[in-house]
Amino acid sequence: MEALIYTLVHGADWQAAEAAGAYHGSADDRRDGFLHFSTAWQLRATAAKHRAGQAGLVLVEVEAAACGAALRWEAAAGGKRPGLFPHLYGPLPLAAVRAVVALPLNAAGRHDFPASIP
């Protein structure tokens, strides 16, 4: 599986995670019982489907191996999206985070990803 995985987090929620020492997920994550992640190849589609037009997000890059056995690769709900998605069954330890970058909206209202994201 992929070495790096990604999640999109509201900036204020990430600040709270830094203060707490771990990220416990969004309301959607808590409802579903796991933290939702994407690979670099899945990230743009995930943003378009679940975070379209949302300002103030940060892109959190995570070392998948640092998540241990709590990370599982699973099909998306309903099986309508191809590929397996990384789901973390537990809080994200800050030690697993490699980078956090702002994810601004461009003039078209789409998220402007770093060049490292295909």
N, C-alpha and C. Protein backbone atom coordinates (compact mmCIF):
# COMPACT_ATOMS: atom_id res chain seq x y z
N MET A 1 0.84 -1.19 0.00
CA MET A 1 0.00 0.00 0.00
C MET A 1 0.88 1.26 0.00
N GLU A 2 0.25 2.39 -0.06
CA GLU A 2 0.95 3.66 -0.16
C GLU A 2 1.72 3.99 1.12
N ALA A 3 2.85 4.66 0.96
CA ALA A 3 3.66 5.07 2.11
C ALA A 3 3.09 6.31 2.79
N LEU A 4 2.48 7.19 1.97
CA LEU A 4 1.90 8.42 2.51
C LEU A 4 0.40 8.43 2.27
N ILE A 5 -0.34 8.90 3.27
CA ILE A 5 -1.78 9.07 3.14
C ILE A 5 -2.14 10.49 3.57
N TYR A 6 -3.34 10.93 3.22
CA TYR A 6 -3.70 12.33 3.41
C TYR A 6 -5.12 12.46 3.95
N THR A 7 -5.32 13.52 4.71
CA THR A 7 -6.66 13.89 5.14
C THR A 7 -6.80 15.40 5.08
N LEU A 8 -8.03 15.86 4.91
CA LEU A 8 -8.34 17.28 4.85
C LEU A 8 -9.04 17.66 6.14
N VAL A 9 -8.51 18.67 6.81
CA VAL A 9 -8.99 19.04 8.14
C VAL A 9 -9.22 20.54 8.18
N HIS A 10 -10.30 20.96 8.84
CA HIS A 10 -10.51 22.39 9.05
C HIS A 10 -9.39 22.92 9.94
N GLY A 11 -8.88 24.08 9.60
CA GLY A 11 -7.73 24.65 10.31
C GLY A 11 -7.92 24.71 11.82
N ALA A 12 -9.10 25.14 12.28
CA ALA A 12 -9.35 25.24 13.72
C ALA A 12 -9.32 23.86 14.38
N ASP A 13 -9.82 22.86 13.66
CA ASP A 13 -9.80 21.49 14.21
C ASP A 13 -8.36 20.98 14.32
N TRP A 14 -7.52 21.38 13.35
CA TRP A 14 -6.13 20.94 13.42
C TRP A 14 -5.40 21.63 14.57
N GLN A 15 -5.69 22.89 14.79
CA GLN A 15 -5.08 23.60 15.92
C GLN A 15 -5.46 22.92 17.24
N ALA A 16 -6.72 22.48 17.35
CA ALA A 16 -7.16 21.77 18.55
C ALA A 16 -6.42 20.44 18.69
N ALA A 17 -6.19 19.76 17.57
CA ALA A 17 -5.46 18.50 17.59
C ALA A 17 -4.03 18.71 18.07
N GLU A 18 -3.40 19.77 17.60
CA GLU A 18 -2.03 20.05 18.03
C GLU A 18 -1.98 20.32 19.52
N ALA A 19 -2.97 21.02 20.05
CA ALA A 19 -3.01 21.30 21.48
C ALA A 19 -3.27 20.02 22.28
N ALA A 20 -4.07 19.10 21.72
CA ALA A 20 -4.43 17.86 22.41
C ALA A 20 -3.38 16.76 22.25
N GLY A 21 -2.52 16.89 21.24
CA GLY A 21 -1.51 15.87 21.00
C GLY A 21 -1.93 14.76 20.05
N ALA A 22 -3.17 14.82 19.54
CA ALA A 22 -3.67 13.82 18.59
C ALA A 22 -4.91 14.39 17.90
N TYR A 23 -5.17 13.89 16.70
CA TYR A 23 -6.38 14.28 15.97
C TYR A 23 -7.41 13.16 16.11
N HIS A 24 -8.60 13.53 16.59
CA HIS A 24 -9.65 12.55 16.83
C HIS A 24 -10.72 12.54 15.76
N GLY A 25 -10.54 13.33 14.72
CA GLY A 25 -11.43 13.28 13.57
C GLY A 25 -12.53 14.31 13.56
N SER A 26 -13.15 14.39 12.39
CA SER A 26 -14.28 15.29 12.17
C SER A 26 -15.56 14.63 12.69
N ALA A 27 -16.65 15.36 12.62
CA ALA A 27 -17.94 14.77 13.00
C ALA A 27 -18.26 13.57 12.12
N ASP A 28 -17.93 13.64 10.83
CA ASP A 28 -18.15 12.50 9.93
C ASP A 28 -17.30 11.30 10.34
N ASP A 29 -16.04 11.56 10.70
CA ASP A 29 -15.16 10.48 11.15
C ASP A 29 -15.74 9.80 12.39
N ARG A 30 -16.14 10.61 13.35
CA ARG A 30 -16.66 10.05 14.60
C ARG A 30 -17.96 9.27 14.34
N ARG A 31 -18.80 9.75 13.43
CA ARG A 31 -20.03 9.04 13.08
C ARG A 31 -19.71 7.67 12.47
N ASP A 32 -18.70 7.63 11.59
CA ASP A 32 -18.37 6.40 10.87
C ASP A 32 -17.48 5.45 11.67
N GLY A 33 -16.88 5.93 12.76
CA GLY A 33 -16.06 5.08 13.61
C GLY A 33 -14.61 4.96 13.19
N PHE A 34 -14.17 5.78 12.24
CA PHE A 34 -12.77 5.78 11.80
C PHE A 34 -12.46 7.11 11.14
N LEU A 35 -11.17 7.43 11.05
CA LEU A 35 -10.72 8.62 10.35
C LEU A 35 -10.54 8.29 8.88
N HIS A 36 -11.10 9.13 8.02
CA HIS A 36 -11.03 8.94 6.58
C HIS A 36 -9.73 9.53 6.03
N PHE A 37 -9.03 8.75 5.25
CA PHE A 37 -7.82 9.20 4.56
C PHE A 37 -7.94 8.85 3.09
N SER A 38 -7.07 9.44 2.29
CA SER A 38 -6.97 9.15 0.86
C SER A 38 -5.52 9.01 0.49
N THR A 39 -5.27 8.29 -0.60
CA THR A 39 -3.93 8.28 -1.18
C THR A 39 -3.78 9.56 -2.00
N ALA A 40 -2.58 9.83 -2.46
CA ALA A 40 -2.35 11.01 -3.30
C ALA A 40 -3.23 10.95 -4.55
N TRP A 41 -3.41 9.75 -5.11
CA TRP A 41 -4.20 9.60 -6.33
C TRP A 41 -5.69 9.76 -6.09
N GLN A 42 -6.15 9.55 -4.89
CA GLN A 42 -7.58 9.66 -4.56
C GLN A 42 -7.96 11.04 -4.04
N LEU A 43 -6.97 11.82 -3.67
CA LEU A 43 -7.20 13.04 -2.89
C LEU A 43 -8.05 14.08 -3.61
N ARG A 44 -7.78 14.37 -4.85
CA ARG A 44 -8.55 15.40 -5.57
C ARG A 44 -10.02 15.02 -5.67
N ALA A 45 -10.30 13.76 -5.98
CA ALA A 45 -11.69 13.32 -6.07
C ALA A 45 -12.38 13.38 -4.70
N THR A 46 -11.65 13.02 -3.67
CA THR A 46 -12.20 13.09 -2.31
C THR A 46 -12.54 14.53 -1.95
N ALA A 47 -11.64 15.45 -2.24
CA ALA A 47 -11.89 16.87 -1.94
C ALA A 47 -13.11 17.37 -2.71
N ALA A 48 -13.21 17.02 -3.98
CA ALA A 48 -14.33 17.47 -4.80
C ALA A 48 -15.66 16.91 -4.28
N LYS A 49 -15.64 15.68 -3.80
CA LYS A 49 -16.88 15.05 -3.34
C LYS A 49 -17.28 15.49 -1.93
N HIS A 50 -16.32 15.59 -1.03
CA HIS A 50 -16.64 15.81 0.39
C HIS A 50 -16.31 17.19 0.94
N ARG A 51 -15.45 17.95 0.27
CA ARG A 51 -15.02 19.25 0.81
C ARG A 51 -15.10 20.37 -0.23
N ALA A 52 -15.88 20.18 -1.27
CA ALA A 52 -15.98 21.18 -2.36
C ALA A 52 -16.31 22.57 -1.82
N GLY A 53 -15.49 23.54 -2.21
CA GLY A 53 -15.72 24.93 -1.85
C GLY A 53 -15.44 25.30 -0.41
N GLN A 54 -14.99 24.37 0.41
CA GLN A 54 -14.73 24.67 1.81
C GLN A 54 -13.38 25.38 1.97
N ALA A 55 -13.42 26.56 2.51
CA ALA A 55 -12.20 27.33 2.76
C ALA A 55 -11.66 26.97 4.15
N GLY A 56 -10.40 27.34 4.36
CA GLY A 56 -9.79 27.16 5.68
C GLY A 56 -9.35 25.75 6.00
N LEU A 57 -9.15 24.93 4.96
CA LEU A 57 -8.70 23.56 5.20
C LEU A 57 -7.18 23.47 5.20
N VAL A 58 -6.68 22.46 5.88
CA VAL A 58 -5.27 22.11 5.78
C VAL A 58 -5.19 20.67 5.27
N LEU A 59 -4.12 20.41 4.53
CA LEU A 59 -3.82 19.08 4.02
C LEU A 59 -2.82 18.46 4.98
N VAL A 60 -3.19 17.33 5.57
CA VAL A 60 -2.33 16.65 6.54
C VAL A 60 -1.75 15.41 5.86
N GLU A 61 -0.42 15.38 5.77
CA GLU A 61 0.31 14.27 5.15
C GLU A 61 0.82 13.37 6.26
N VAL A 62 0.51 12.07 6.15
CA VAL A 62 0.78 11.13 7.23
C VAL A 62 1.60 9.95 6.71
N GLU A 63 2.55 9.51 7.51
CA GLU A 63 3.32 8.31 7.23
C GLU A 63 2.45 7.11 7.60
N ALA A 64 1.99 6.37 6.60
CA ALA A 64 1.04 5.27 6.84
C ALA A 64 1.58 4.25 7.83
N ALA A 65 2.85 3.86 7.71
CA ALA A 65 3.42 2.83 8.58
C ALA A 65 3.40 3.26 10.05
N ALA A 66 3.46 4.56 10.31
CA ALA A 66 3.47 5.05 11.69
C ALA A 66 2.11 4.91 12.37
N CYS A 67 1.08 4.59 11.60
CA CYS A 67 -0.26 4.41 12.17
C CYS A 67 -0.47 3.01 12.74
N GLY A 68 0.42 2.08 12.37
CA GLY A 68 0.35 0.73 12.92
C GLY A 68 -0.88 -0.05 12.48
N ALA A 69 -1.27 -1.00 13.32
CA ALA A 69 -2.37 -1.92 13.00
C ALA A 69 -3.73 -1.24 12.98
N ALA A 70 -3.82 -0.03 13.51
CA ALA A 70 -5.11 0.69 13.50
C ALA A 70 -5.48 1.18 12.10
N LEU A 71 -4.53 1.15 11.16
CA LEU A 71 -4.80 1.58 9.78
C LEU A 71 -5.22 0.37 8.96
N ARG A 72 -6.38 0.49 8.33
CA ARG A 72 -6.90 -0.59 7.48
C ARG A 72 -7.23 -0.02 6.10
N TRP A 73 -7.01 -0.84 5.07
CA TRP A 73 -7.32 -0.46 3.70
C TRP A 73 -8.63 -1.12 3.32
N GLU A 74 -9.66 -0.29 3.04
CA GLU A 74 -11.00 -0.82 2.83
C GLU A 74 -11.68 -0.14 1.64
N ALA A 75 -12.68 -0.82 1.09
CA ALA A 75 -13.49 -0.25 0.02
C ALA A 75 -14.33 0.89 0.58
N ALA A 76 -14.64 1.86 -0.27
CA ALA A 76 -15.50 2.96 0.14
C ALA A 76 -16.91 2.43 0.40
N ALA A 77 -17.64 3.14 1.24
CA ALA A 77 -19.02 2.74 1.53
C ALA A 77 -19.81 2.64 0.24
N GLY A 78 -20.55 1.59 0.09
CA GLY A 78 -21.35 1.38 -1.10
C GLY A 78 -20.56 0.83 -2.28
N GLY A 79 -19.25 0.79 -2.16
CA GLY A 79 -18.41 0.23 -3.21
C GLY A 79 -18.44 0.97 -4.53
N LYS A 80 -18.87 2.23 -4.54
CA LYS A 80 -19.00 2.98 -5.79
C LYS A 80 -17.72 3.66 -6.23
N ARG A 81 -16.76 3.81 -5.34
CA ARG A 81 -15.49 4.44 -5.70
C ARG A 81 -14.43 3.36 -5.79
N PRO A 82 -13.67 3.36 -6.88
CA PRO A 82 -12.67 2.29 -7.08
C PRO A 82 -11.49 2.41 -6.12
N GLY A 83 -10.87 1.29 -5.85
CA GLY A 83 -9.68 1.26 -5.01
C GLY A 83 -10.01 1.14 -3.54
N LEU A 84 -8.97 0.88 -2.78
CA LEU A 84 -9.11 0.79 -1.34
C LEU A 84 -8.69 2.12 -0.71
N PHE A 85 -9.39 2.50 0.35
CA PHE A 85 -9.12 3.75 1.04
C PHE A 85 -8.54 3.45 2.42
N PRO A 86 -7.58 4.27 2.86
CA PRO A 86 -7.02 4.08 4.19
C PRO A 86 -7.97 4.63 5.26
N HIS A 87 -8.30 3.81 6.23
CA HIS A 87 -9.17 4.20 7.35
C HIS A 87 -8.41 3.93 8.64
N LEU A 88 -8.35 4.93 9.51
CA LEU A 88 -7.64 4.80 10.77
C LEU A 88 -8.64 4.62 11.91
N TYR A 89 -8.58 3.48 12.56
CA TYR A 89 -9.48 3.15 13.66
C TYR A 89 -8.83 3.54 14.99
N GLY A 90 -8.83 4.82 15.24
CA GLY A 90 -8.25 5.38 16.45
C GLY A 90 -7.76 6.78 16.13
N PRO A 91 -7.30 7.50 17.13
CA PRO A 91 -6.81 8.86 16.89
C PRO A 91 -5.51 8.86 16.10
N LEU A 92 -5.29 9.93 15.39
CA LEU A 92 -4.05 10.11 14.63
C LEU A 92 -3.00 10.72 15.54
N PRO A 93 -1.93 9.99 15.84
CA PRO A 93 -0.86 10.58 16.67
C PRO A 93 -0.08 11.60 15.86
N LEU A 94 0.23 12.71 16.47
CA LEU A 94 0.95 13.77 15.75
C LEU A 94 2.32 13.30 15.27
N ALA A 95 2.89 12.31 15.93
CA ALA A 95 4.20 11.79 15.52
C ALA A 95 4.15 11.15 14.13
N ALA A 96 2.96 10.75 13.66
CA ALA A 96 2.82 10.14 12.34
C ALA A 96 2.71 11.18 11.22
N VAL A 97 2.54 12.44 11.59
CA VAL A 97 2.31 13.51 10.61
C VAL A 97 3.65 14.00 10.06
N ARG A 98 3.76 14.00 8.74
CA ARG A 98 4.97 14.49 8.07
C ARG A 98 4.88 15.96 7.71
N ALA A 99 3.68 16.42 7.34
CA ALA A 99 3.53 17.82 6.92
C ALA A 99 2.07 18.23 7.07
N VAL A 100 1.89 19.52 7.30
CA VAL A 100 0.57 20.14 7.32
C VAL A 100 0.69 21.41 6.50
N VAL A 101 -0.10 21.52 5.43
CA VAL A 101 -0.03 22.70 4.57
C VAL A 101 -1.42 23.25 4.34
N ALA A 102 -1.49 24.58 4.22
CA ALA A 102 -2.76 25.23 3.92
C ALA A 102 -3.24 24.78 2.55
N LEU A 103 -4.55 24.67 2.40
CA LEU A 103 -5.13 24.23 1.14
C LEU A 103 -6.13 25.30 0.68
N PRO A 104 -5.61 26.36 0.06
CA PRO A 104 -6.48 27.47 -0.34
C PRO A 104 -7.37 27.10 -1.52
N LEU A 105 -8.40 27.91 -1.71
CA LEU A 105 -9.25 27.78 -2.90
C LEU A 105 -8.68 28.66 -3.99
N ASN A 106 -8.71 28.18 -5.24
CA ASN A 106 -8.25 29.01 -6.35
C ASN A 106 -9.41 29.86 -6.88
N ALA A 107 -9.18 30.61 -7.93
CA ALA A 107 -10.19 31.52 -8.48
C ALA A 107 -11.45 30.78 -8.93
N ALA A 108 -11.32 29.51 -9.28
CA ALA A 108 -12.46 28.71 -9.72
C ALA A 108 -13.21 28.08 -8.54
N GLY A 109 -12.73 28.32 -7.31
CA GLY A 109 -13.37 27.76 -6.13
C GLY A 109 -12.98 26.32 -5.83
N ARG A 110 -11.92 25.85 -6.49
CA ARG A 110 -11.41 24.50 -6.24
C ARG A 110 -10.17 24.58 -5.36
N HIS A 111 -9.89 23.51 -4.64
CA HIS A 111 -8.71 23.51 -3.79
C HIS A 111 -7.44 23.49 -4.64
N ASP A 112 -6.49 24.29 -4.22
CA ASP A 112 -5.21 24.43 -4.91
C ASP A 112 -4.19 23.53 -4.20
N PHE A 113 -4.01 22.32 -4.75
CA PHE A 113 -3.13 21.33 -4.13
C PHE A 113 -1.66 21.61 -4.43
N PRO A 114 -0.78 21.16 -3.53
CA PRO A 114 0.66 21.27 -3.83
C PRO A 114 1.02 20.44 -5.07
N ALA A 115 2.12 20.78 -5.68
CA ALA A 115 2.57 20.10 -6.91
C ALA A 115 2.83 18.61 -6.67
N SER A 116 3.07 18.20 -5.44
CA SER A 116 3.37 16.79 -5.15
C SER A 116 2.13 15.89 -5.25
N ILE A 117 0.96 16.49 -5.33
CA ILE A 117 -0.28 15.72 -5.44
C ILE A 117 -0.66 15.61 -6.92
N PRO A 118 -0.75 14.38 -7.45
CA PRO A 118 -1.04 14.22 -8.89
C PRO A 118 -2.43 14.71 -9.27
